[in-house]
Every structure is written in structure tokens, then in C-alpha cells.
Amino acid sequence: MKLIIAVVQDKDSNRLVDALGEENFQTTKLATTGGFLKEGNTTLMIGCEDEYVDEALEVIKVNCSHREQMVAPISPMGGNADSYIPKPVKVEVGGATCFILPIESFFQF
């Protein structure tokens, strides 16, 4: 048995949870924050048998798309802010970061 921990953007989470449910994967959803943009993420814990890991990863891959987003840079700390002109930059966001852990045992009460 494996535990997949998938960190996805909030914008992708509902679609992903629905798609995993349609494929009979049970998930636990946790609200998390982090990353470069300090925006909300969702962390999903998905338990599955070893032979279904690739199927679960494919569902995650299909439902968590990469996209570009305009972001205003943070002003420099301790520097001369008079000459600093904030100019929005494009960054790539989205996708998923997945960790796969072996599970020794599983109990449901």
C-alpha cells in the first residue's frame, strides 16, 4: 500500500477531488499555504494499493494544469526603494507536487 501526498493549487483542487472520486480513490483534503507566491494550496492524502499508483498519478496530472500568472515583485528589503520600479512578471504556476510513501499498515475505525 502507498500514500500519495499531492500538493496542488487551490484552483485545481475541487476538480481533482471530483476526478479522483470518479475513479474510486478516497482522499483527505488539507488546506495549506506555501510556495513562492505564498498563495493557498491544497494538500491531498490519497491511500491506494501499489498497482493503482500510476492510475492515481495520471488523474492528478490530467487535472492539475500549468499556467502563467502575472505577479508584482516584492520591493527590495534594505535597499534604496526610490529607484525601484515594480514591474509585473510572468511566473508559471499550477501543476502538482507528489510524494509517494510506503504504508506498513492501515486501520480504519
Protein backbone atom coordinates (compact mmCIF):
# COMPACT_ATOMS: atom_id res chain seq x y z
CA MET A 1 0.00 0.00 0.00
CA LYS A 2 1.13 3.56 -0.75
CA LEU A 3 0.22 7.02 0.44
CA ILE A 4 0.33 9.73 -2.21
CA ILE A 5 0.69 13.23 -0.83
CA ALA A 6 -0.20 15.69 -3.59
CA VAL A 7 0.24 19.46 -3.18
CA VAL A 8 -1.87 21.31 -5.74
CA GLN A 9 -3.08 24.85 -6.32
CA ASP A 10 -6.47 25.70 -4.77
CA LYS A 11 -7.84 26.41 -8.26
CA ASP A 12 -7.27 22.76 -9.24
CA SER A 13 -8.32 21.07 -6.00
CA ASN A 14 -12.09 20.69 -6.43
CA ARG A 15 -11.77 19.38 -9.98
CA LEU A 16 -9.06 16.94 -8.85
CA VAL A 17 -11.02 15.65 -5.84
CA ASP A 18 -14.05 15.05 -8.09
CA ALA A 19 -11.94 13.23 -10.69
CA LEU A 20 -10.26 11.06 -8.05
CA GLY A 21 -13.68 10.22 -6.58
CA GLU A 22 -14.96 9.14 -10.00
CA GLU A 23 -12.04 6.69 -10.16
CA ASN A 24 -12.84 5.42 -6.63
CA PHE A 25 -9.83 6.99 -4.92
CA GLN A 26 -10.62 8.25 -1.44
CA THR A 27 -8.90 11.46 -0.45
CA THR A 28 -8.33 13.58 2.61
CA LYS A 29 -8.10 17.28 1.81
CA LEU A 30 -5.96 19.68 3.86
CA ALA A 31 -5.78 23.46 3.37
CA THR A 32 -2.13 24.54 3.22
CA THR A 33 -0.11 27.63 2.33
CA GLY A 34 3.34 27.98 0.93
CA GLY A 35 5.49 28.23 -2.10
CA PHE A 36 6.93 31.17 -3.97
CA LEU A 37 3.69 33.14 -4.21
CA LYS A 38 2.52 32.46 -0.63
CA GLU A 39 -0.90 31.55 -2.00
CA GLY A 40 -3.27 28.90 -0.76
CA ASN A 41 -2.57 25.33 -1.72
CA THR A 42 -4.42 22.13 -1.09
CA THR A 43 -2.65 19.01 0.11
CA LEU A 44 -4.39 15.75 -0.68
CA MET A 45 -3.61 12.47 1.03
CA ILE A 46 -4.56 9.52 -1.18
CA GLY A 47 -4.17 5.97 0.02
CA CYS A 48 -4.10 3.25 -2.64
CA GLU A 49 -2.78 -0.19 -3.42
CA ASP A 50 0.57 -0.35 -5.21
CA GLU A 51 -0.95 -1.36 -8.55
CA TYR A 52 -3.14 1.79 -8.67
CA VAL A 53 -0.43 4.39 -8.02
CA ASP A 54 0.19 5.08 -11.71
CA GLU A 55 -3.55 5.47 -12.33
CA ALA A 56 -3.86 7.97 -9.46
CA LEU A 57 -0.85 9.94 -10.70
CA GLU A 58 -2.36 10.11 -14.18
CA VAL A 59 -5.62 11.54 -12.76
CA ILE A 60 -3.57 14.14 -10.88
CA LYS A 61 -1.53 15.01 -13.97
CA VAL A 62 -4.62 15.47 -16.16
CA ASN A 63 -6.44 17.69 -13.64
CA CYS A 64 -3.61 19.95 -12.44
CA SER A 65 -2.56 22.19 -15.29
CA HIS A 66 0.39 24.57 -15.53
CA ARG A 67 -0.46 28.17 -16.38
CA GLU A 68 1.19 31.57 -16.37
CA GLN A 69 0.24 34.28 -13.89
CA MET A 70 1.31 37.92 -13.64
CA VAL A 71 2.87 38.75 -10.26
CA ALA A 72 4.10 42.07 -8.88
CA PRO A 73 7.58 41.61 -7.42
CA ILE A 74 8.26 42.38 -3.78
CA SER A 75 10.18 45.60 -3.11
CA PRO A 76 13.82 45.19 -2.09
CA MET A 77 14.50 44.99 1.64
CA GLY A 78 17.04 47.43 3.00
CA GLY A 79 17.83 48.86 -0.42
CA ASN A 80 17.01 52.17 -2.00
CA ALA A 81 13.31 51.90 -2.84
CA ASP A 82 13.34 55.28 -4.66
CA SER A 83 14.82 53.75 -7.81
CA TYR A 84 12.77 50.55 -7.58
CA ILE A 85 10.01 50.35 -10.20
CA PRO A 86 7.75 47.37 -9.62
CA LYS A 87 7.02 45.69 -12.94
CA PRO A 88 4.77 42.63 -13.03
CA VAL A 89 6.47 39.46 -14.22
CA LYS A 90 5.05 36.21 -15.58
CA VAL A 91 5.59 33.11 -13.49
CA GLU A 92 4.48 29.55 -14.11
CA VAL A 93 2.03 28.24 -11.51
CA GLY A 94 -0.10 25.15 -11.14
CA GLY A 95 0.73 21.53 -11.62
CA ALA A 96 1.20 19.21 -8.70
CA THR A 97 4.00 18.08 -6.41
CA CYS A 98 3.54 14.46 -5.37
CA PHE A 99 5.26 12.36 -2.75
CA ILE A 100 4.73 8.60 -2.63
CA LEU A 101 5.30 6.90 0.71
CA PRO A 102 5.15 3.21 1.60
CA ILE A 103 2.49 2.32 4.16
CA GLU A 104 3.24 -0.52 6.54
CA SER A 105 -0.33 -0.86 7.81
CA PHE A 106 -3.68 0.87 7.59
CA PHE A 107 -6.51 0.90 10.12
CA GLN A 108 -9.94 2.45 9.79
CA PHE A 109 -12.11 2.61 12.94
